[in-house]
Protein backbone atom coordinates (compact mmCIF):
# COMPACT_ATOMS: atom_id res chain seq x y z
CA MET A 1 1.34 -22.42 38.19
CA ARG A 2 3.03 -19.64 40.14
CA THR A 3 1.71 -16.29 39.02
CA ASN A 4 3.19 -12.80 39.39
CA THR A 5 5.51 -14.18 42.04
CA CYS A 6 8.74 -12.32 42.67
CA LEU A 7 11.63 -14.74 42.62
CA ALA A 8 12.96 -13.60 46.01
CA GLY A 9 14.36 -16.49 47.97
CA THR A 10 15.21 -18.53 44.89
CA MET A 11 18.63 -19.01 43.32
CA LEU A 12 17.49 -16.92 40.35
CA ALA A 13 16.42 -14.08 42.61
CA ALA A 14 19.74 -14.14 44.37
CA THR A 15 21.40 -13.58 41.02
CA LEU A 16 19.03 -10.83 39.92
CA LEU A 17 18.11 -8.84 42.99
CA ALA A 18 21.50 -8.06 44.46
CA ALA A 19 22.35 -4.37 44.16
CA PRO A 20 23.27 -3.71 41.42
CA ALA A 21 21.55 -6.85 40.18
CA PHE A 22 23.96 -7.86 37.43
CA ALA A 23 26.84 -5.39 37.40
CA GLN A 24 30.06 -6.83 35.99
CA THR A 25 33.44 -5.80 37.32
CA ALA A 26 34.90 -5.95 33.81
CA LYS A 27 34.60 -3.08 31.34
CA THR A 28 32.70 -5.22 28.81
CA ALA A 29 29.71 -7.52 29.15
CA GLU A 30 31.64 -10.39 27.54
CA THR A 31 34.56 -11.58 29.64
CA GLU A 32 35.25 -15.05 28.20
CA ASN A 33 38.05 -15.85 25.77
CA ALA A 34 37.25 -15.58 22.07
CA ASN A 35 36.96 -18.72 19.96
CA ALA A 36 38.72 -16.96 17.09
CA PRO A 37 41.23 -14.68 18.87
CA ASP A 38 43.20 -13.96 15.68
CA GLN A 39 40.19 -12.35 13.99
CA THR A 40 39.94 -8.60 14.35
CA PRO A 41 36.82 -6.43 14.02
CA ALA A 42 36.47 -4.23 10.96
CA PHE A 43 35.61 -1.12 13.00
CA GLU A 44 35.42 0.12 16.57
CA ASN A 45 32.68 -1.39 18.74
CA GLN A 46 31.86 -4.10 16.22
CA THR A 47 32.25 -6.54 19.11
CA ARG A 48 32.72 -6.38 22.88
CA ALA A 49 31.33 -2.90 23.29
CA ALA A 50 31.82 -1.30 26.69
CA LEU A 51 29.25 -1.52 29.46
CA PRO A 52 26.85 1.43 29.88
CA ASP A 53 27.77 3.97 32.52
CA VAL A 54 24.38 3.45 34.19
CA MET A 55 22.52 0.14 34.31
CA PRO A 56 19.08 -0.29 35.87
CA GLN A 57 18.43 -2.69 38.70
CA ILE A 58 16.03 -5.31 37.36
CA SER A 59 13.75 -7.64 39.27
CA VAL A 60 11.84 -10.56 37.80
CA ASP A 61 8.32 -11.90 38.32
CA VAL A 62 7.05 -15.28 37.17
CA VAL A 63 3.92 -14.77 35.07
CA ALA A 64 3.41 -18.45 34.29
CA ASP A 65 5.44 -21.62 34.74
CA GLY A 66 5.03 -25.33 34.15
CA LEU A 67 4.20 -24.54 30.52
CA PRO A 68 5.08 -26.90 27.66
CA HIS A 69 8.26 -26.16 25.69
CA LEU A 70 7.47 -22.76 24.17
CA TRP A 71 8.98 -21.08 21.11
CA ALA A 72 7.25 -17.72 20.73
CA MET A 73 4.69 -15.40 22.30
CA GLU A 74 2.54 -12.48 21.21
CA PHE A 75 0.31 -10.17 23.25
CA LEU A 76 -3.39 -10.20 22.39
CA PRO A 77 -5.30 -6.90 22.68
CA ASP A 78 -7.02 -8.08 25.90
CA GLY A 79 -3.65 -8.71 27.61
CA ARG A 80 -3.58 -12.47 27.27
CA ILE A 81 -0.55 -14.06 25.64
CA LEU A 82 -0.72 -16.24 22.55
CA VAL A 83 2.09 -18.81 22.63
CA THR A 84 3.44 -21.48 20.30
CA THR A 85 5.00 -24.72 21.48
CA LYS A 86 7.81 -26.58 19.83
CA ASP A 87 5.78 -29.79 19.58
CA GLY A 88 3.12 -28.08 17.46
CA ALA A 89 0.44 -26.65 19.76
CA MET A 90 -0.84 -23.13 20.42
CA HIS A 91 -2.25 -21.88 23.72
CA VAL A 92 -3.46 -18.63 25.23
CA VAL A 93 -1.96 -17.83 28.64
CA SER A 94 -3.62 -15.57 31.19
CA GLN A 95 -1.46 -12.95 32.89
CA GLU A 96 -3.91 -12.92 35.79
CA ASN A 97 -3.53 -16.50 36.94
CA GLY A 98 -0.78 -17.93 34.73
CA GLU A 99 -3.04 -20.63 33.34
CA ALA A 100 -2.79 -21.89 29.77
CA SER A 101 -5.82 -22.70 27.68
CA PRO A 102 -6.32 -26.15 26.20
CA PRO A 103 -4.54 -26.53 22.86
CA ILE A 104 -6.10 -24.34 20.17
CA GLU A 105 -7.82 -26.47 17.56
CA GLY A 106 -6.93 -26.35 13.87
CA VAL A 107 -3.13 -26.06 13.99
CA PRO A 108 -1.63 -27.91 10.99
CA ALA A 109 0.81 -30.82 11.32
CA VAL A 110 4.32 -29.83 12.44
CA MET A 111 7.68 -31.58 12.07
CA SER A 112 9.07 -31.11 15.60
CA GLU A 113 12.21 -33.27 15.53
CA GLY A 114 15.58 -31.63 16.09
CA GLN A 115 15.26 -27.86 15.78
CA GLY A 116 11.89 -28.08 14.06
CA GLY A 117 8.57 -27.11 15.55
CA LEU A 118 5.79 -24.57 15.61
CA LEU A 119 7.89 -21.44 15.44
CA ASP A 120 6.94 -17.75 15.41
CA VAL A 121 3.53 -16.12 15.60
CA ALA A 122 2.46 -12.57 14.74
CA LEU A 123 -0.85 -10.74 14.78
CA ALA A 124 -2.02 -9.24 11.51
CA PRO A 125 -1.84 -5.43 11.50
CA ASP A 126 -5.66 -5.38 11.39
CA PHE A 127 -6.07 -8.16 13.99
CA GLU A 128 -8.65 -6.29 16.06
CA SER A 129 -11.06 -6.36 13.11
CA SER A 130 -9.90 -9.49 11.25
CA ASN A 131 -8.73 -11.81 14.10
CA ARG A 132 -6.10 -13.00 11.64
CA ILE A 133 -2.75 -14.35 12.79
CA TYR A 134 0.35 -15.53 10.92
CA PHE A 135 2.66 -18.29 12.08
CA SER A 136 5.74 -20.09 10.81
CA PHE A 137 6.42 -23.77 11.28
CA SER A 138 8.53 -26.69 10.13
CA GLU A 139 6.18 -28.20 7.61
CA PRO A 140 6.36 -31.95 6.91
CA ARG A 141 6.40 -32.52 3.16
CA GLU A 142 6.95 -35.35 0.74
CA GLY A 143 10.68 -35.97 0.70
CA GLY A 144 11.45 -33.87 3.78
CA ASN A 145 10.35 -30.60 5.30
CA GLY A 146 10.86 -26.85 5.23
CA THR A 147 9.87 -23.60 6.89
CA SER A 148 6.41 -22.46 5.90
CA VAL A 149 4.15 -19.55 6.82
CA ALA A 150 0.41 -19.87 7.35
CA SER A 151 -2.42 -17.49 8.10
CA ALA A 152 -5.60 -18.21 10.05
CA ARG A 153 -8.41 -16.56 11.96
CA LEU A 154 -8.23 -17.01 15.73
CA THR A 155 -11.77 -17.55 17.00
CA GLU A 156 -13.21 -18.01 20.47
CA GLU A 157 -16.74 -19.26 21.11
CA GLU A 158 -17.95 -20.15 24.59
CA GLY A 159 -14.35 -20.18 25.78
CA LYS A 160 -13.21 -22.60 23.06
CA LEU A 161 -10.31 -21.34 20.93
CA ALA A 162 -9.76 -22.48 17.34
CA LEU A 163 -7.97 -21.57 14.12
CA GLN A 164 -10.23 -21.24 11.10
CA ASP A 165 -9.53 -20.59 7.43
CA VAL A 166 -6.00 -21.92 7.84
CA LYS A 167 -3.96 -21.36 4.70
CA VAL A 168 -0.28 -21.96 3.97
CA ILE A 169 0.71 -18.77 2.15
CA PHE A 170 4.46 -19.28 1.70
CA GLN A 171 6.90 -22.19 1.59
CA GLN A 172 10.67 -22.05 1.81
CA MET A 173 11.95 -24.14 -1.08
CA PRO A 174 13.51 -26.51 -1.86
CA THR A 175 12.20 -29.17 0.48
CA TYR A 176 15.03 -30.81 2.41
CA ASP A 177 15.18 -33.87 4.65
CA GLY A 178 16.90 -32.36 7.68
CA ASP A 179 16.09 -31.20 11.21
CA LYS A 180 18.15 -28.01 11.67
CA HIS A 181 18.23 -24.27 10.90
CA PHE A 182 14.61 -23.50 10.09
CA GLY A 183 14.79 -19.90 11.38
CA SER A 184 12.24 -18.32 11.78
CA ARG A 185 10.80 -14.94 12.76
CA LEU A 186 7.88 -13.00 11.32
CA VAL A 187 7.88 -9.19 11.38
CA PHE A 188 5.28 -6.90 9.88
CA GLY A 189 6.72 -3.71 8.42
CA PRO A 190 5.12 -0.28 8.75
CA GLU A 191 3.31 -0.62 5.41
CA GLY A 192 1.97 -4.10 6.14
CA GLN A 193 4.74 -6.01 4.37
CA LEU A 194 5.73 -9.27 6.06
CA TYR A 195 9.39 -10.13 6.58
CA VAL A 196 10.12 -13.85 6.96
CA THR A 197 13.53 -15.02 8.16
CA VAL A 198 14.77 -18.55 7.48
CA GLY A 199 17.90 -20.62 7.94
CA GLU A 200 20.10 -22.45 5.44
CA ARG A 201 19.38 -25.89 6.89
CA SER A 202 22.87 -26.23 8.44
CA ASP A 203 24.41 -29.02 6.38
CA ARG A 204 27.40 -28.32 4.15
CA GLU A 205 25.47 -29.25 1.02
CA THR A 206 22.66 -26.80 1.88
CA ARG A 207 24.57 -23.89 3.40
CA VAL A 208 25.88 -22.87 -0.01
CA GLY A 209 22.28 -22.14 -0.93
CA ALA A 210 22.51 -18.98 1.18
CA GLN A 211 24.48 -17.48 -1.76
CA ASP A 212 22.11 -18.81 -4.43
CA LEU A 213 19.32 -16.42 -5.45
CA GLY A 214 17.42 -19.38 -6.84
CA SER A 215 17.37 -21.11 -3.45
CA GLY A 216 15.22 -20.34 -0.42
CA PHE A 217 17.98 -21.23 2.04
CA GLY A 218 19.53 -18.55 4.25
CA LYS A 219 17.31 -15.63 3.24
CA VAL A 220 15.12 -12.82 4.46
CA PHE A 221 11.91 -12.78 2.41
CA ARG A 222 9.50 -9.87 1.97
CA ILE A 223 5.94 -10.77 1.02
CA ASP A 224 2.41 -9.43 1.26
CA VAL A 225 -0.32 -10.81 3.51
CA GLU A 226 -1.28 -13.32 0.82
CA GLY A 227 2.29 -14.64 0.56
CA LYS A 228 3.12 -12.98 -2.76
CA ALA A 229 6.39 -11.22 -3.56
CA LEU A 230 6.19 -7.44 -3.45
CA SER A 231 6.79 -5.83 -6.83
CA ASP A 232 9.57 -3.57 -5.53
CA ASN A 233 11.61 -6.41 -4.04
CA PRO A 234 15.23 -6.22 -5.24
CA PHE A 235 15.16 -9.38 -7.38
CA ALA A 236 11.51 -9.30 -8.45
CA LYS A 237 12.44 -8.91 -12.10
CA GLN A 238 15.70 -10.89 -12.16
CA GLU A 239 15.52 -14.11 -14.11
CA GLY A 240 16.37 -17.16 -12.04
CA ALA A 241 16.03 -15.36 -8.71
CA LEU A 242 13.25 -15.90 -6.19
CA PRO A 243 11.16 -12.72 -6.27
CA GLU A 244 10.38 -12.92 -2.55
CA ILE A 245 14.03 -12.41 -1.51
CA TRP A 246 14.88 -9.23 0.38
CA SER A 247 18.45 -10.10 1.47
CA TYR A 248 20.68 -13.17 1.34
CA GLY A 249 23.85 -14.76 2.70
CA HIS A 250 22.36 -15.51 6.11
CA ARG A 251 22.96 -18.52 8.33
CA ASN A 252 20.09 -19.09 10.79
CA LEU A 253 17.95 -16.09 11.72
CA GLN A 254 15.97 -16.55 14.93
CA ALA A 255 15.74 -12.91 16.05
CA ALA A 256 14.16 -9.99 14.20
CA THR A 257 12.35 -6.75 14.97
CA LEU A 258 11.73 -3.22 13.69
CA ASP A 259 13.58 -0.24 15.10
CA GLY A 260 12.03 3.12 15.95
CA GLN A 261 12.21 4.13 12.28
CA GLY A 262 10.35 1.03 11.10
CA ARG A 263 13.48 -0.65 9.70
CA LEU A 264 14.16 -4.37 10.00
CA TRP A 265 17.02 -5.61 12.20
CA THR A 266 18.01 -9.24 12.69
CA VAL A 267 20.34 -11.33 14.82
CA GLU A 268 21.43 -14.67 13.41
CA HIS A 269 23.15 -17.73 14.79
CA GLY A 270 26.65 -17.81 13.37
CA PRO A 271 29.25 -20.55 13.64
CA LYS A 272 31.32 -20.91 16.80
CA GLY A 273 32.10 -17.28 17.66
CA GLY A 274 30.09 -15.71 14.86
CA ASP A 275 26.60 -14.60 15.97
CA GLU A 276 25.81 -11.30 14.29
CA LEU A 277 23.51 -8.29 14.29
CA ASN A 278 22.49 -6.90 10.89
CA ARG A 279 20.13 -4.35 9.40
CA PRO A 280 19.19 -6.26 6.23
CA GLU A 281 18.85 -3.98 3.24
CA ALA A 282 17.31 -4.67 -0.14
CA GLY A 283 19.42 -6.93 -2.33
CA LYS A 284 22.47 -7.02 -0.09
CA ASN A 285 24.64 -10.07 0.59
CA TYR A 286 25.55 -10.79 4.22
CA GLY A 287 28.27 -13.23 3.35
CA TRP A 288 27.49 -16.67 4.74
CA PRO A 289 29.17 -19.09 4.16
CA LYS A 290 31.86 -17.35 2.08
CA VAL A 291 32.79 -14.86 4.77
CA THR A 292 32.06 -14.83 8.50
CA TYR A 293 33.45 -14.21 11.91
CA GLY A 294 33.97 -17.33 14.01
CA ILE A 295 35.04 -20.87 13.20
CA GLU A 296 33.52 -24.29 12.58
CA TYR A 297 32.37 -26.20 15.66
CA SER A 298 35.19 -28.61 14.86
CA GLY A 299 37.69 -25.78 15.37
CA GLY A 300 38.68 -25.35 11.73
CA PRO A 301 38.07 -22.30 9.56
CA VAL A 302 34.77 -21.69 7.79
CA GLY A 303 35.64 -21.84 4.09
CA GLU A 304 38.76 -19.76 3.54
CA GLY A 305 38.55 -18.35 7.04
CA ILE A 306 38.09 -14.76 5.87
CA THR A 307 36.12 -12.02 7.67
CA THR A 308 35.86 -9.46 4.85
CA LEU A 309 35.00 -9.86 1.19
CA GLN A 310 34.14 -7.31 -1.47
CA GLY A 311 30.47 -7.40 -2.33
CA THR A 312 29.39 -8.57 1.11
CA GLU A 313 28.21 -6.59 4.13
CA GLN A 314 29.92 -6.41 7.49
CA PRO A 315 27.70 -7.20 10.49
CA ALA A 316 26.77 -4.18 12.57
CA TYR A 317 27.96 -6.23 15.58
CA TYR A 318 29.11 -9.76 16.33
CA TRP A 319 29.67 -11.97 19.37
CA ASP A 320 32.62 -14.25 20.05
CA PRO A 321 31.84 -16.38 22.01
CA VAL A 322 28.23 -16.62 20.90
CA ILE A 323 25.11 -15.64 22.79
CA GLY A 324 22.82 -18.06 20.92
CA PRO A 325 20.28 -15.41 19.81
CA SER A 326 16.54 -16.07 19.79
CA GLY A 327 13.83 -13.46 20.04
CA MET A 328 14.35 -9.71 19.79
CA ALA A 329 12.52 -6.51 20.63
CA PHE A 330 13.15 -2.79 20.26
CA TYR A 331 12.59 -0.96 23.52
CA ASN A 332 10.71 2.31 23.23
CA GLY A 333 8.88 2.22 26.56
CA ASP A 334 9.10 4.36 29.66
CA ALA A 335 9.09 1.70 32.39
CA ILE A 336 12.86 1.15 32.05
CA PRO A 337 14.14 4.52 30.76
CA GLU A 338 17.78 3.40 30.73
CA TRP A 339 16.88 1.02 27.89
CA LYS A 340 15.11 3.57 25.69
CA GLY A 341 16.19 3.01 22.08
CA ALA A 342 17.97 -0.30 22.84
CA PHE A 343 17.58 -3.73 21.30
CA LEU A 344 16.69 -6.56 23.70
CA ILE A 345 17.85 -9.99 22.53
CA GLY A 346 17.22 -13.40 24.05
CA GLY A 347 20.32 -15.46 24.75
CA LEU A 348 20.08 -19.25 24.63
CA VAL A 349 23.79 -19.76 25.34
CA SER A 350 24.35 -16.63 27.42
CA GLN A 351 21.17 -17.54 29.37
CA GLY A 352 19.70 -14.11 29.80
CA LEU A 353 18.86 -10.87 28.10
CA VAL A 354 21.39 -9.02 25.93
CA VAL A 355 20.80 -5.26 25.79
CA LEU A 356 22.39 -3.31 22.92
CA HIS A 357 22.45 0.48 23.30
CA MET A 358 22.66 2.12 19.88
CA GLU A 359 24.15 5.32 18.48
CA GLY A 360 22.77 5.64 14.99
CA ASP A 361 23.20 2.26 13.33
CA LYS A 362 26.16 1.18 15.47
CA VAL A 363 26.30 -0.45 18.89
CA ALA A 364 27.61 1.94 21.54
CA ARG A 365 27.20 -0.18 24.68
CA GLU A 366 26.28 -3.75 25.60
CA GLU A 367 24.93 -5.02 28.90
CA ARG A 368 23.64 -8.39 30.07
CA VAL A 369 20.80 -9.38 32.38
CA PRO A 370 21.52 -12.93 33.59
CA LEU A 371 18.39 -15.03 33.99
CA ASP A 372 19.95 -18.47 34.56
CA ALA A 373 17.80 -19.88 31.76
CA ARG A 374 17.82 -20.19 27.99
CA ILE A 375 15.73 -17.31 26.59
CA ARG A 376 13.75 -18.22 23.49
CA ASP A 377 11.63 -15.09 22.95
CA VAL A 378 11.44 -11.46 24.12
CA LYS A 379 8.54 -9.00 23.90
CA VAL A 380 7.81 -5.54 25.29
CA ALA A 381 4.37 -5.29 26.90
CA PRO A 382 2.12 -2.26 26.31
CA ASP A 383 3.03 -0.94 29.79
CA GLY A 384 6.76 -1.01 28.95
CA THR A 385 7.67 -4.03 31.06
CA VAL A 386 9.66 -6.77 29.32
CA PHE A 387 8.53 -10.37 28.96
CA ALA A 388 10.85 -13.30 28.27
CA VAL A 389 10.18 -16.96 27.48
CA THR A 390 12.53 -19.56 28.94
CA GLU A 391 13.22 -23.05 27.67
CA GLN A 392 15.26 -26.07 28.65
CA ARG A 393 17.72 -27.53 26.19
CA GLY A 394 16.38 -30.73 24.71
CA GLY A 395 12.83 -30.20 25.94
CA GLY A 396 11.20 -29.77 29.32
CA GLU A 397 9.00 -26.96 30.58
CA SER A 398 8.98 -23.24 29.88
CA THR A 399 8.34 -20.18 32.02
CA ILE A 400 7.16 -16.69 31.11
CA LEU A 401 9.02 -14.00 33.03
CA ARG A 402 8.28 -10.30 33.48
CA LEU A 403 11.26 -7.96 33.92
CA VAL A 404 10.65 -4.66 35.73
CA LYS A 405 12.83 -1.90 37.09
CA SER A 406 13.34 -2.33 40.84
């Protein structure tokens, strides 16, 4: 594996290291034609926000390459990186030499067909004393599959890594025999609550479940570390509603993080021209599939083709054409001061990093860092540098990149 190698001399370096590395001549980061040009935003800067006046020059190092198809990463306290792979394995990767450990023993069975796999991973808030981790995965079940969350202790004895006390603590229900829109991100809130984002399983017969409070499709859940609904959840006492629900009306949420105030933000895959940024609030309806920006992949309208509807929330921001969001971090470091207070979002379709500069709860500016690769996950390291996981569509190897200010 190449380790800590600057990409100078490669095609990727040529893209990134020119001065300025990724400046666009246009006034907005997005320059392509919209898929739904007749749709208009509900307020200023809801889409195609202007570029920042000042954008940092970014260079990229390869931390590790030749890795299996990764989905998520998390920094361990000793600086190593815990990663999940789509096919159902976990490894620990060294930043020093870029080497991955043998597969960690004890990972449960995973349904990895289609968009399924071993998905997100998060350290428990008390990890340094408990060694407990939480992970989401596409769980094979009788009659189909679904997104589930498990906890386990990560142990290491004589260099051998294993998961012990593995327990599935939460299951998205109902079970469905499909291979798309599993979500999923795991985010611990400031009081130890665990937010779980899931998809609505994509198909027309399942997407309507995003509006059904009795269905686990298309939701953000809020649970405790044992997988139980919190008593102050918005529907905890409503008959017929799942008590774990925090918000609903979502499509396929593969990006989530906390902001500087400890509030949850998400970015979800929309239809063609309808990816959206939201700050999910308790009990609120985010519209899918009744109301959305964008169109069906076939070119027709989604439902009645409306973008506003009483009783549903407008996205804080949307993208047309889509970025294909996956992975998200809030930047509060000092290594790249121009990004202070910004959201960093991985782009599968846009093949790079999307940087959203905020003013309050609205997007003020958007910039892009092209990486010539699908970005599956994004994390900010303790030293303020930014790490990104690449993937290849349909499989292949992954690389872990480190982004630093030149």
